[in-house]
Amino acid sequence: MSGRYGEAYTVSKMLDSINDTMGDGCKVELKRNVGNGVALDTSAKEIACLDTQAKIKTSVDRVALMDSSEKQGWIEHQRSKGNDLFKAGKYKEASDAYLEALTGLELGGADHDEVMRKVQHPITCNIVACMLKMEVGPRDSFPRRGYLTAHYSNGRKL
């Protein structure tokens, strides 16, 4: 584990670890079982989706054990990490960090509107900026319609 919070163990890391252990003679690939004994190749996009799901699941599990101040630290850490990755042009990784930051939100309190305005909306806008930089479009199943209701004041630099 690197850093204070460590990293999630993703499908990509698992496959890399297995393939490194097996050496040059063999290669393990992930296949999708579609029934009737048929297994189809898994695309890089599907593996990236599985990786993101693993990161979010790990974050949710980790955040569930934190108190409010630790959650705020988590959000700040992940948001800062996302900002650094965005500046480095690593938009997919930045998007994942921003998604992980959102797992620390507590939206049920009296300050719900303030948390949404000061934390959730800017992070969500950062995720959208990542998607735009990656040129994610309608064909990539990004739910554009109804996905984000934003106020004009949310537009800002990362």
N, C-alpha and C. Protein backbone atom coordinates (compact mmCIF):
# COMPACT_ATOMS: atom_id res chain seq x y z
N MET A 1 0.84 -1.18 0.00
CA MET A 1 0.00 0.00 0.00
C MET A 1 0.88 1.24 0.00
N SER A 2 0.53 2.17 -0.85
CA SER A 2 1.30 3.40 -0.92
C SER A 2 0.50 4.55 -0.37
N GLY A 3 1.17 5.48 0.27
CA GLY A 3 0.49 6.64 0.82
C GLY A 3 -0.30 6.31 2.07
N ARG A 4 -0.92 7.32 2.63
CA ARG A 4 -1.68 7.18 3.87
C ARG A 4 -2.87 6.24 3.70
N TYR A 5 -3.54 6.33 2.57
CA TYR A 5 -4.77 5.57 2.39
C TYR A 5 -4.59 4.31 1.55
N GLY A 6 -3.45 4.14 0.93
CA GLY A 6 -3.24 2.94 0.13
C GLY A 6 -4.03 2.96 -1.17
N GLU A 7 -3.88 1.92 -1.93
CA GLU A 7 -4.55 1.80 -3.22
C GLU A 7 -5.42 0.56 -3.24
N ALA A 8 -6.46 0.61 -4.02
CA ALA A 8 -7.36 -0.53 -4.17
C ALA A 8 -6.69 -1.61 -5.00
N TYR A 9 -7.03 -2.85 -4.73
CA TYR A 9 -6.54 -3.97 -5.52
C TYR A 9 -7.53 -4.18 -6.66
N THR A 10 -7.13 -3.79 -7.86
CA THR A 10 -8.03 -3.80 -9.01
C THR A 10 -7.81 -5.04 -9.88
N VAL A 11 -8.69 -5.22 -10.83
CA VAL A 11 -8.58 -6.32 -11.79
C VAL A 11 -7.27 -6.19 -12.58
N SER A 12 -6.94 -4.97 -12.98
CA SER A 12 -5.69 -4.76 -13.73
C SER A 12 -4.48 -5.17 -12.90
N LYS A 13 -4.46 -4.77 -11.62
CA LYS A 13 -3.34 -5.14 -10.75
C LYS A 13 -3.29 -6.65 -10.56
N MET A 14 -4.45 -7.29 -10.42
CA MET A 14 -4.49 -8.73 -10.25
C MET A 14 -3.91 -9.43 -11.49
N LEU A 15 -4.36 -9.02 -12.67
CA LEU A 15 -3.87 -9.64 -13.91
C LEU A 15 -2.37 -9.41 -14.08
N ASP A 16 -1.92 -8.17 -13.80
CA ASP A 16 -0.49 -7.87 -13.91
C ASP A 16 0.33 -8.74 -12.95
N SER A 17 -0.17 -8.88 -11.73
CA SER A 17 0.53 -9.69 -10.72
C SER A 17 0.63 -11.15 -11.16
N ILE A 18 -0.46 -11.70 -11.64
CA ILE A 18 -0.46 -13.10 -12.10
C ILE A 18 0.48 -13.27 -13.28
N ASN A 19 0.40 -12.36 -14.25
CA ASN A 19 1.24 -12.47 -15.44
C ASN A 19 2.71 -12.28 -15.12
N ASP A 20 3.04 -11.39 -14.17
CA ASP A 20 4.43 -11.22 -13.75
C ASP A 20 4.95 -12.50 -13.10
N THR A 21 4.12 -13.13 -12.29
CA THR A 21 4.51 -14.36 -11.61
C THR A 21 4.71 -15.50 -12.60
N MET A 22 3.87 -15.56 -13.62
CA MET A 22 3.94 -16.66 -14.59
C MET A 22 5.10 -16.50 -15.55
N GLY A 23 5.61 -15.30 -15.71
CA GLY A 23 6.76 -15.09 -16.58
C GLY A 23 6.37 -14.96 -18.05
N ASP A 24 7.37 -15.11 -18.91
CA ASP A 24 7.18 -14.88 -20.34
C ASP A 24 6.44 -16.01 -21.05
N GLY A 25 6.39 -17.18 -20.47
CA GLY A 25 5.81 -18.34 -21.14
C GLY A 25 4.29 -18.36 -21.22
N CYS A 26 3.62 -17.65 -20.32
CA CYS A 26 2.16 -17.71 -20.26
C CYS A 26 1.57 -16.32 -20.04
N LYS A 27 0.30 -16.20 -20.39
CA LYS A 27 -0.41 -14.94 -20.15
C LYS A 27 -1.85 -15.26 -19.78
N VAL A 28 -2.31 -14.67 -18.69
CA VAL A 28 -3.68 -14.84 -18.24
C VAL A 28 -4.50 -13.66 -18.75
N GLU A 29 -5.68 -13.95 -19.30
CA GLU A 29 -6.59 -12.90 -19.76
C GLU A 29 -7.94 -13.11 -19.10
N LEU A 30 -8.66 -12.04 -18.89
CA LEU A 30 -9.99 -12.10 -18.32
C LEU A 30 -11.01 -12.29 -19.45
N LYS A 31 -11.89 -13.24 -19.29
CA LYS A 31 -12.94 -13.51 -20.28
C LYS A 31 -14.30 -13.34 -19.61
N ARG A 32 -15.30 -12.99 -20.42
CA ARG A 32 -16.68 -12.87 -19.93
C ARG A 32 -17.43 -14.13 -20.30
N ASN A 33 -18.06 -14.74 -19.32
CA ASN A 33 -18.87 -15.93 -19.56
C ASN A 33 -20.27 -15.47 -19.97
N VAL A 34 -20.64 -15.77 -21.21
CA VAL A 34 -21.96 -15.36 -21.70
C VAL A 34 -22.94 -16.52 -21.74
N GLY A 35 -22.56 -17.64 -21.14
CA GLY A 35 -23.45 -18.80 -21.10
C GLY A 35 -23.14 -19.79 -22.20
N ASN A 36 -23.69 -20.98 -22.06
CA ASN A 36 -23.52 -22.05 -23.06
C ASN A 36 -22.05 -22.37 -23.33
N GLY A 37 -21.20 -22.14 -22.35
CA GLY A 37 -19.78 -22.45 -22.52
C GLY A 37 -19.02 -21.45 -23.36
N VAL A 38 -19.64 -20.33 -23.70
CA VAL A 38 -18.99 -19.31 -24.53
C VAL A 38 -18.34 -18.27 -23.63
N ALA A 39 -17.07 -17.97 -23.90
CA ALA A 39 -16.33 -16.95 -23.16
C ALA A 39 -15.79 -15.93 -24.16
N LEU A 40 -16.16 -14.68 -23.98
CA LEU A 40 -15.73 -13.62 -24.89
C LEU A 40 -14.59 -12.81 -24.27
N ASP A 41 -13.77 -12.24 -25.14
CA ASP A 41 -12.70 -11.36 -24.66
C ASP A 41 -13.29 -10.18 -23.90
N THR A 42 -12.54 -9.69 -22.95
CA THR A 42 -12.93 -8.51 -22.18
C THR A 42 -12.15 -7.33 -22.72
N SER A 43 -12.84 -6.26 -23.07
CA SER A 43 -12.17 -5.09 -23.64
C SER A 43 -11.45 -4.29 -22.56
N ALA A 44 -10.54 -3.46 -22.99
CA ALA A 44 -9.82 -2.58 -22.06
C ALA A 44 -10.80 -1.67 -21.34
N LYS A 45 -11.85 -1.24 -22.04
CA LYS A 45 -12.86 -0.37 -21.43
C LYS A 45 -13.61 -1.11 -20.32
N GLU A 46 -13.92 -2.38 -20.55
CA GLU A 46 -14.61 -3.17 -19.52
C GLU A 46 -13.73 -3.40 -18.30
N ILE A 47 -12.45 -3.64 -18.53
CA ILE A 47 -11.51 -3.82 -17.42
C ILE A 47 -11.37 -2.51 -16.66
N ALA A 48 -11.31 -1.38 -17.38
CA ALA A 48 -11.23 -0.08 -16.71
C ALA A 48 -12.47 0.16 -15.84
N CYS A 49 -13.62 -0.25 -16.32
CA CYS A 49 -14.86 -0.13 -15.54
C CYS A 49 -14.79 -0.98 -14.28
N LEU A 50 -14.31 -2.21 -14.41
CA LEU A 50 -14.15 -3.09 -13.25
C LEU A 50 -13.15 -2.51 -12.25
N ASP A 51 -12.08 -1.90 -12.77
CA ASP A 51 -11.09 -1.26 -11.90
C ASP A 51 -11.73 -0.12 -11.11
N THR A 52 -12.52 0.70 -11.80
CA THR A 52 -13.19 1.82 -11.13
C THR A 52 -14.15 1.31 -10.07
N GLN A 53 -14.90 0.27 -10.38
CA GLN A 53 -15.81 -0.31 -9.39
C GLN A 53 -15.06 -0.81 -8.17
N ALA A 54 -13.91 -1.44 -8.38
CA ALA A 54 -13.10 -1.94 -7.25
C ALA A 54 -12.60 -0.78 -6.40
N LYS A 55 -12.17 0.31 -7.06
CA LYS A 55 -11.69 1.47 -6.31
C LYS A 55 -12.80 2.09 -5.48
N ILE A 56 -13.98 2.21 -6.06
CA ILE A 56 -15.11 2.79 -5.32
C ILE A 56 -15.51 1.88 -4.17
N LYS A 57 -15.58 0.58 -4.40
CA LYS A 57 -15.94 -0.37 -3.34
C LYS A 57 -14.95 -0.29 -2.19
N THR A 58 -13.66 -0.27 -2.51
CA THR A 58 -12.62 -0.16 -1.49
C THR A 58 -12.78 1.14 -0.71
N SER A 59 -13.06 2.23 -1.43
CA SER A 59 -13.24 3.54 -0.78
C SER A 59 -14.44 3.54 0.15
N VAL A 60 -15.55 2.98 -0.32
CA VAL A 60 -16.77 2.92 0.51
C VAL A 60 -16.49 2.13 1.79
N ASP A 61 -15.83 0.99 1.65
CA ASP A 61 -15.51 0.17 2.83
C ASP A 61 -14.59 0.92 3.79
N ARG A 62 -13.61 1.62 3.25
CA ARG A 62 -12.65 2.36 4.07
C ARG A 62 -13.33 3.53 4.77
N VAL A 63 -14.15 4.28 4.04
CA VAL A 63 -14.81 5.47 4.59
C VAL A 63 -15.84 5.09 5.65
N ALA A 64 -16.43 3.93 5.53
CA ALA A 64 -17.44 3.49 6.50
C ALA A 64 -16.87 3.40 7.91
N LEU A 65 -15.58 3.24 8.03
CA LEU A 65 -14.92 3.11 9.33
C LEU A 65 -14.42 4.45 9.88
N MET A 66 -14.65 5.54 9.16
CA MET A 66 -14.11 6.85 9.54
C MET A 66 -15.14 7.70 10.25
N ASP A 67 -14.62 8.61 11.11
CA ASP A 67 -15.51 9.62 11.68
C ASP A 67 -15.55 10.82 10.73
N SER A 68 -16.32 11.84 11.07
CA SER A 68 -16.53 12.98 10.17
C SER A 68 -15.24 13.69 9.79
N SER A 69 -14.35 13.94 10.75
CA SER A 69 -13.11 14.65 10.43
C SER A 69 -12.21 13.81 9.54
N GLU A 70 -12.19 12.50 9.76
CA GLU A 70 -11.40 11.62 8.89
C GLU A 70 -11.97 11.60 7.48
N LYS A 71 -13.29 11.64 7.37
CA LYS A 71 -13.93 11.68 6.05
C LYS A 71 -13.57 12.97 5.32
N GLN A 72 -13.54 14.08 6.05
CA GLN A 72 -13.14 15.35 5.42
C GLN A 72 -11.71 15.27 4.93
N GLY A 73 -10.83 14.66 5.73
CA GLY A 73 -9.44 14.47 5.30
C GLY A 73 -9.35 13.58 4.07
N TRP A 74 -10.17 12.54 4.04
CA TRP A 74 -10.23 11.63 2.90
C TRP A 74 -10.63 12.39 1.64
N ILE A 75 -11.69 13.18 1.75
CA ILE A 75 -12.18 13.95 0.60
C ILE A 75 -11.10 14.90 0.11
N GLU A 76 -10.48 15.64 1.03
CA GLU A 76 -9.42 16.58 0.64
C GLU A 76 -8.25 15.86 -0.02
N HIS A 77 -7.85 14.72 0.54
CA HIS A 77 -6.73 13.95 -0.02
C HIS A 77 -7.05 13.48 -1.44
N GLN A 78 -8.22 12.87 -1.62
CA GLN A 78 -8.60 12.34 -2.93
C GLN A 78 -8.79 13.46 -3.96
N ARG A 79 -9.36 14.57 -3.50
CA ARG A 79 -9.57 15.70 -4.41
C ARG A 79 -8.24 16.29 -4.85
N SER A 80 -7.31 16.45 -3.91
CA SER A 80 -5.98 16.95 -4.24
C SER A 80 -5.25 15.99 -5.18
N LYS A 81 -5.38 14.70 -4.90
CA LYS A 81 -4.78 13.68 -5.77
C LYS A 81 -5.37 13.79 -7.18
N GLY A 82 -6.69 13.95 -7.26
CA GLY A 82 -7.35 14.11 -8.56
C GLY A 82 -6.86 15.35 -9.30
N ASN A 83 -6.72 16.45 -8.57
CA ASN A 83 -6.23 17.68 -9.18
C ASN A 83 -4.82 17.50 -9.74
N ASP A 84 -3.94 16.84 -8.98
CA ASP A 84 -2.58 16.60 -9.45
C ASP A 84 -2.57 15.71 -10.70
N LEU A 85 -3.40 14.67 -10.68
CA LEU A 85 -3.48 13.78 -11.84
C LEU A 85 -4.04 14.50 -13.06
N PHE A 86 -5.04 15.36 -12.84
CA PHE A 86 -5.62 16.12 -13.94
C PHE A 86 -4.57 17.03 -14.57
N LYS A 87 -3.82 17.72 -13.73
CA LYS A 87 -2.77 18.62 -14.23
C LYS A 87 -1.71 17.86 -15.01
N ALA A 88 -1.49 16.59 -14.64
CA ALA A 88 -0.51 15.75 -15.33
C ALA A 88 -1.08 15.11 -16.59
N GLY A 89 -2.36 15.39 -16.89
CA GLY A 89 -2.99 14.83 -18.08
C GLY A 89 -3.47 13.40 -17.93
N LYS A 90 -3.54 12.92 -16.70
CA LYS A 90 -4.00 11.55 -16.42
C LYS A 90 -5.47 11.62 -16.02
N TYR A 91 -6.33 11.82 -17.02
CA TYR A 91 -7.74 12.13 -16.77
C TYR A 91 -8.53 10.94 -16.22
N LYS A 92 -8.24 9.74 -16.67
CA LYS A 92 -8.95 8.56 -16.15
C LYS A 92 -8.64 8.38 -14.66
N GLU A 93 -7.36 8.47 -14.31
CA GLU A 93 -6.96 8.31 -12.91
C GLU A 93 -7.52 9.45 -12.06
N ALA A 94 -7.54 10.66 -12.62
CA ALA A 94 -8.11 11.81 -11.90
C ALA A 94 -9.59 11.60 -11.64
N SER A 95 -10.30 11.13 -12.65
CA SER A 95 -11.72 10.85 -12.50
C SER A 95 -11.97 9.83 -11.40
N ASP A 96 -11.15 8.78 -11.36
CA ASP A 96 -11.29 7.77 -10.31
C ASP A 96 -11.05 8.38 -8.93
N ALA A 97 -10.04 9.24 -8.81
CA ALA A 97 -9.76 9.87 -7.52
C ALA A 97 -10.93 10.75 -7.08
N TYR A 98 -11.52 11.49 -8.02
CA TYR A 98 -12.68 12.32 -7.68
C TYR A 98 -13.87 11.46 -7.26
N LEU A 99 -14.09 10.34 -7.96
CA LEU A 99 -15.17 9.43 -7.56
C LEU A 99 -14.94 8.87 -6.16
N GLU A 100 -13.69 8.55 -5.87
CA GLU A 100 -13.36 8.06 -4.53
C GLU A 100 -13.59 9.14 -3.48
N ALA A 101 -13.33 10.40 -3.83
CA ALA A 101 -13.57 11.50 -2.90
C ALA A 101 -15.05 11.59 -2.54
N LEU A 102 -15.91 11.38 -3.53
CA LEU A 102 -17.35 11.48 -3.28
C LEU A 102 -17.85 10.43 -2.30
N THR A 103 -17.12 9.33 -2.13
CA THR A 103 -17.57 8.30 -1.18
C THR A 103 -17.51 8.79 0.26
N GLY A 104 -16.78 9.86 0.51
CA GLY A 104 -16.67 10.38 1.87
C GLY A 104 -17.72 11.39 2.25
N LEU A 105 -18.59 11.75 1.31
CA LEU A 105 -19.60 12.77 1.60
C LEU A 105 -20.64 12.29 2.59
N GLU A 106 -21.02 13.20 3.47
CA GLU A 106 -22.13 12.97 4.39
C GLU A 106 -23.20 13.99 4.04
N LEU A 107 -24.25 13.53 3.39
CA LEU A 107 -25.26 14.45 2.86
C LEU A 107 -26.52 14.53 3.71
N GLY A 108 -26.56 13.86 4.83
CA GLY A 108 -27.78 13.84 5.62
C GLY A 108 -27.86 14.90 6.71
N GLY A 109 -26.82 15.67 6.89
CA GLY A 109 -26.79 16.63 8.00
C GLY A 109 -27.50 17.93 7.70
N ALA A 110 -27.48 18.81 8.69
CA ALA A 110 -28.12 20.12 8.56
C ALA A 110 -27.43 20.99 7.51
N ASP A 111 -26.14 20.73 7.27
CA ASP A 111 -25.38 21.52 6.30
C ASP A 111 -25.38 20.89 4.90
N HIS A 112 -26.41 20.13 4.61
CA HIS A 112 -26.55 19.40 3.34
C HIS A 112 -26.32 20.31 2.12
N ASP A 113 -27.01 21.45 2.09
CA ASP A 113 -26.90 22.35 0.93
C ASP A 113 -25.48 22.91 0.79
N GLU A 114 -24.87 23.24 1.90
CA GLU A 114 -23.51 23.78 1.86
C GLU A 114 -22.51 22.71 1.38
N VAL A 115 -22.66 21.49 1.86
CA VAL A 115 -21.79 20.39 1.42
C VAL A 115 -21.95 20.16 -0.08
N MET A 116 -23.18 20.19 -0.55
CA MET A 116 -23.42 20.01 -1.98
C MET A 116 -22.76 21.14 -2.78
N ARG A 117 -22.94 22.38 -2.33
CA ARG A 117 -22.43 23.53 -3.05
C ARG A 117 -20.91 23.62 -3.02
N LYS A 118 -20.31 23.38 -1.85
CA LYS A 118 -18.87 23.59 -1.70
C LYS A 118 -18.02 22.35 -1.99
N VAL A 119 -18.62 21.18 -1.91
CA VAL A 119 -17.83 19.95 -2.08
C VAL A 119 -18.33 19.10 -3.25
N GLN A 120 -19.59 18.66 -3.17
CA GLN A 120 -20.10 17.72 -4.17
C GLN A 120 -20.12 18.33 -5.58
N HIS A 121 -20.67 19.51 -5.73
CA HIS A 121 -20.77 20.10 -7.07
C HIS A 121 -19.40 20.34 -7.71
N PRO A 122 -18.44 20.95 -7.00
CA PRO A 122 -17.12 21.13 -7.64
C PRO A 122 -16.45 19.81 -8.03
N ILE A 123 -16.56 18.80 -7.16
CA ILE A 123 -15.94 17.51 -7.49
C ILE A 123 -16.64 16.88 -8.69
N THR A 124 -17.96 16.98 -8.72
CA THR A 124 -18.71 16.45 -9.86
C THR A 124 -18.33 17.17 -11.15
N CYS A 125 -18.14 18.48 -11.06
CA CYS A 125 -17.69 19.24 -12.23
C CYS A 125 -16.30 18.79 -12.67
N ASN A 126 -15.44 18.47 -11.71
CA ASN A 126 -14.11 17.96 -12.05
C ASN A 126 -14.21 16.63 -12.80
N ILE A 127 -15.14 15.77 -12.36
CA ILE A 127 -15.34 14.49 -13.05
C ILE A 127 -15.80 14.74 -14.49
N VAL A 128 -16.72 15.67 -14.66
CA VAL A 128 -17.20 16.01 -16.01
C VAL A 128 -16.05 16.55 -16.85
N ALA A 129 -15.19 17.39 -16.26
CA ALA A 129 -14.03 17.91 -16.99
C ALA A 129 -13.12 16.77 -17.45
N CYS A 130 -12.94 15.78 -16.61
CA CYS A 130 -12.14 14.61 -16.99
C CYS A 130 -12.78 13.88 -18.17
N MET A 131 -14.10 13.70 -18.09
CA MET A 131 -14.81 13.01 -19.17
C MET A 131 -14.67 13.78 -20.48
N LEU A 132 -14.76 15.09 -20.41
CA LEU A 132 -14.61 15.90 -21.62
C LEU A 132 -13.20 15.79 -22.18
N LYS A 133 -12.21 15.79 -21.31
CA LYS A 133 -10.82 15.65 -21.76
C LYS A 133 -10.58 14.28 -22.39
N MET A 134 -11.27 13.27 -21.88
CA MET A 134 -11.13 11.92 -22.44
C MET A 134 -12.03 11.74 -23.66
N GLU A 135 -12.78 12.79 -23.99
CA GLU A 135 -13.70 12.79 -25.13
C GLU A 135 -14.73 11.68 -25.02
N VAL A 136 -15.25 11.51 -23.83
CA VAL A 136 -16.32 10.55 -23.61
C VAL A 136 -17.58 11.16 -24.19
N GLY A 137 -18.24 10.42 -25.06
CA GLY A 137 -19.43 10.93 -25.72
C GLY A 137 -20.61 9.99 -25.58
N PRO A 138 -21.68 10.28 -26.29
CA PRO A 138 -22.89 9.46 -26.19
C PRO A 138 -22.66 7.99 -26.54
N ARG A 139 -21.76 7.73 -27.47
CA ARG A 139 -21.48 6.35 -27.85
C ARG A 139 -20.76 5.59 -26.74
N ASP A 140 -20.20 6.32 -25.80
CA ASP A 140 -19.47 5.69 -24.70
C ASP A 140 -20.34 5.49 -23.48
N SER A 141 -21.64 5.62 -23.65
CA SER A 141 -22.64 5.40 -22.61
C SER A 141 -22.47 6.29 -21.38
N PHE A 142 -21.95 7.50 -21.57
CA PHE A 142 -21.90 8.46 -20.48
C PHE A 142 -23.27 9.12 -20.39
N PRO A 143 -23.93 8.98 -19.26
CA PRO A 143 -25.31 9.48 -19.15
C PRO A 143 -25.36 11.00 -19.06
N ARG A 144 -25.32 11.66 -20.21
CA ARG A 144 -25.28 13.12 -20.21
C ARG A 144 -26.60 13.74 -19.79
N ARG A 145 -27.70 13.27 -20.30
CA ARG A 145 -28.99 13.87 -19.99
C ARG A 145 -29.42 13.53 -18.58
N GLY A 146 -29.66 14.54 -17.79
CA GLY A 146 -30.13 14.33 -16.44
C GLY A 146 -29.06 13.89 -15.46
N TYR A 147 -27.81 13.79 -15.92
CA TYR A 147 -26.75 13.32 -15.04
C TYR A 147 -26.30 14.40 -14.08
N LEU A 148 -26.25 15.62 -14.56
CA LEU A 148 -25.72 16.69 -13.74
C LEU A 148 -26.58 17.92 -13.88
N THR A 149 -27.12 18.36 -12.78
CA THR A 149 -27.81 19.63 -12.74
C THR A 149 -26.87 20.58 -12.03
N ALA A 150 -26.37 21.54 -12.75
CA ALA A 150 -25.35 22.41 -12.19
C ALA A 150 -25.77 23.87 -12.30
N HIS A 151 -25.22 24.64 -11.45
CA HIS A 151 -25.45 26.07 -11.45
C HIS A 151 -24.27 26.72 -12.14
N TYR A 152 -24.48 27.83 -12.82
CA TYR A 152 -23.41 28.46 -13.58
C TYR A 152 -22.21 28.82 -12.71
N SER A 153 -22.39 29.02 -11.41
CA SER A 153 -21.28 29.41 -10.54
C SER A 153 -20.32 28.26 -10.29
N ASN A 154 -20.67 27.04 -10.74
CA ASN A 154 -19.77 25.91 -10.53
C ASN A 154 -18.63 25.89 -11.54
N GLY A 155 -18.72 26.64 -12.60
CA GLY A 155 -17.65 26.68 -13.58
C GLY A 155 -16.42 27.35 -12.98
N ARG A 156 -15.32 26.65 -12.98
CA ARG A 156 -14.09 27.20 -12.42
C ARG A 156 -12.92 26.35 -12.89
N LYS A 157 -11.72 26.83 -12.63
CA LYS A 157 -10.54 26.05 -12.95
C LYS A 157 -10.34 24.97 -11.90
N LEU A 158 -9.73 23.87 -12.31
CA LEU A 158 -9.45 22.79 -11.36
C LEU A 158 -8.45 23.23 -10.37
